[in-house]
Amino acid sequence: MNPFIKGLAVYLYIYNNALFSENQMYLTGACSHINACFTRISSLKTV
């Protein structure tokens, strides 16, 4: 295998994994933010 292509494949693999984990962190952060907003709204309704 061409070392350049091999290096490129490894780079893309690492890049995609980093991108995926970043998106996961963003999504979990957004979900927790939405949940916090919902709990705040529901607590306002009960008061």
N, C-alpha and C. Protein backbone atom coordinates (compact mmCIF):
# COMPACT_ATOMS: atom_id res chain seq x y z
N MET A 1 0.84 -1.20 0.00
CA MET A 1 0.00 0.00 0.00
C MET A 1 0.88 1.25 0.00
N ASN A 2 0.47 2.24 -0.73
CA ASN A 2 1.19 3.50 -0.79
C ASN A 2 1.18 4.16 0.60
N PRO A 3 2.35 4.52 1.13
CA PRO A 3 2.38 5.13 2.47
C PRO A 3 1.59 6.43 2.56
N PHE A 4 1.55 7.17 1.45
CA PHE A 4 0.78 8.42 1.45
C PHE A 4 -0.71 8.13 1.61
N ILE A 5 -1.21 7.15 0.86
CA ILE A 5 -2.62 6.78 0.94
C ILE A 5 -2.94 6.22 2.33
N LYS A 6 -2.00 5.42 2.85
CA LYS A 6 -2.19 4.84 4.18
C LYS A 6 -2.27 5.95 5.23
N GLY A 7 -1.37 6.92 5.13
CA GLY A 7 -1.38 8.04 6.06
C GLY A 7 -2.66 8.85 5.94
N LEU A 8 -3.11 9.05 4.71
CA LEU A 8 -4.35 9.79 4.48
C LEU A 8 -5.54 9.05 5.08
N ALA A 9 -5.56 7.73 4.91
CA ALA A 9 -6.66 6.93 5.46
C ALA A 9 -6.68 7.02 6.98
N VAL A 10 -5.50 6.92 7.60
CA VAL A 10 -5.42 7.03 9.06
C VAL A 10 -5.87 8.41 9.51
N TYR A 11 -5.43 9.45 8.78
CA TYR A 11 -5.81 10.82 9.13
C TYR A 11 -7.32 11.01 9.05
N LEU A 12 -7.92 10.53 7.96
CA LEU A 12 -9.37 10.66 7.80
C LEU A 12 -10.11 9.89 8.88
N TYR A 13 -9.60 8.70 9.23
CA TYR A 13 -10.23 7.90 10.27
C TYR A 13 -10.22 8.64 11.61
N ILE A 14 -9.06 9.20 11.97
CA ILE A 14 -8.94 9.95 13.23
C ILE A 14 -9.82 11.20 13.17
N TYR A 15 -9.80 11.89 12.02
CA TYR A 15 -10.58 13.12 11.87
C TYR A 15 -12.07 12.84 12.02
N ASN A 16 -12.56 11.76 11.39
CA ASN A 16 -13.97 11.42 11.50
C ASN A 16 -14.35 11.05 12.92
N ASN A 17 -13.46 10.33 13.62
CA ASN A 17 -13.74 9.97 15.01
C ASN A 17 -13.80 11.21 15.89
N ALA A 18 -12.87 12.15 15.67
CA ALA A 18 -12.87 13.38 16.45
C ALA A 18 -14.13 14.18 16.17
N LEU A 19 -14.52 14.25 14.91
CA LEU A 19 -15.73 14.97 14.52
C LEU A 19 -16.95 14.34 15.17
N PHE A 20 -17.00 13.00 15.16
CA PHE A 20 -18.14 12.29 15.72
C PHE A 20 -18.25 12.54 17.22
N SER A 21 -17.13 12.46 17.93
CA SER A 21 -17.17 12.66 19.38
C SER A 21 -17.53 14.11 19.71
N GLU A 22 -17.07 15.06 18.87
CA GLU A 22 -17.42 16.46 19.08
C GLU A 22 -18.92 16.65 18.91
N ASN A 23 -19.48 16.04 17.86
CA ASN A 23 -20.92 16.14 17.63
C ASN A 23 -21.69 15.50 18.77
N GLN A 24 -21.19 14.37 19.28
CA GLN A 24 -21.85 13.72 20.41
C GLN A 24 -21.87 14.63 21.62
N MET A 25 -20.74 15.28 21.91
CA MET A 25 -20.67 16.18 23.06
C MET A 25 -21.63 17.35 22.85
N TYR A 26 -21.69 17.87 21.62
CA TYR A 26 -22.59 18.98 21.33
C TYR A 26 -24.04 18.57 21.52
N LEU A 27 -24.38 17.35 21.01
CA LEU A 27 -25.76 16.88 21.13
C LEU A 27 -26.14 16.64 22.57
N THR A 28 -25.26 16.04 23.36
CA THR A 28 -25.59 15.80 24.76
C THR A 28 -25.72 17.12 25.50
N GLY A 29 -24.89 18.10 25.16
CA GLY A 29 -25.00 19.41 25.78
C GLY A 29 -26.31 20.08 25.42
N ALA A 30 -26.72 19.98 24.15
CA ALA A 30 -27.98 20.57 23.72
C ALA A 30 -29.15 19.87 24.40
N CYS A 31 -29.07 18.55 24.53
CA CYS A 31 -30.15 17.79 25.17
C CYS A 31 -30.28 18.20 26.63
N SER A 32 -29.17 18.33 27.34
CA SER A 32 -29.23 18.70 28.75
C SER A 32 -29.75 20.13 28.89
N HIS A 33 -29.41 21.01 27.95
CA HIS A 33 -29.89 22.39 27.97
C HIS A 33 -31.41 22.42 27.78
N ILE A 34 -31.90 21.62 26.81
CA ILE A 34 -33.34 21.55 26.55
C ILE A 34 -34.06 20.97 27.76
N ASN A 35 -33.48 19.93 28.37
CA ASN A 35 -34.09 19.33 29.56
C ASN A 35 -34.16 20.35 30.69
N ALA A 36 -33.11 21.14 30.86
CA ALA A 36 -33.11 22.15 31.91
C ALA A 36 -34.20 23.19 31.65
N CYS A 37 -34.36 23.58 30.40
CA CYS A 37 -35.42 24.54 30.05
C CYS A 37 -36.79 23.95 30.34
N PHE A 38 -36.99 22.68 30.00
CA PHE A 38 -38.28 22.04 30.24
C PHE A 38 -38.58 21.95 31.73
N THR A 39 -37.58 21.60 32.53
CA THR A 39 -37.81 21.50 33.97
C THR A 39 -38.12 22.87 34.54
N ARG A 40 -37.47 23.91 34.02
CA ARG A 40 -37.72 25.27 34.49
C ARG A 40 -39.15 25.68 34.14
N ILE A 41 -39.59 25.38 32.91
CA ILE A 41 -40.94 25.72 32.48
C ILE A 41 -41.97 24.96 33.31
N SER A 42 -41.73 23.66 33.53
CA SER A 42 -42.69 22.87 34.30
C SER A 42 -42.75 23.34 35.74
N SER A 43 -41.62 23.78 36.30
CA SER A 43 -41.62 24.27 37.68
C SER A 43 -42.36 25.61 37.75
N LEU A 44 -42.28 26.41 36.69
CA LEU A 44 -43.02 27.67 36.65
C LEU A 44 -44.52 27.40 36.58
N LYS A 45 -44.91 26.37 35.84
CA LYS A 45 -46.33 26.03 35.72
C LYS A 45 -46.91 25.59 37.06
N THR A 46 -46.15 24.84 37.84
CA THR A 46 -46.67 24.33 39.10
C THR A 46 -46.80 25.46 40.12
N VAL A 47 -45.93 26.48 40.04
CA VAL A 47 -45.97 27.58 41.00
C VAL A 47 -47.20 28.44 40.76
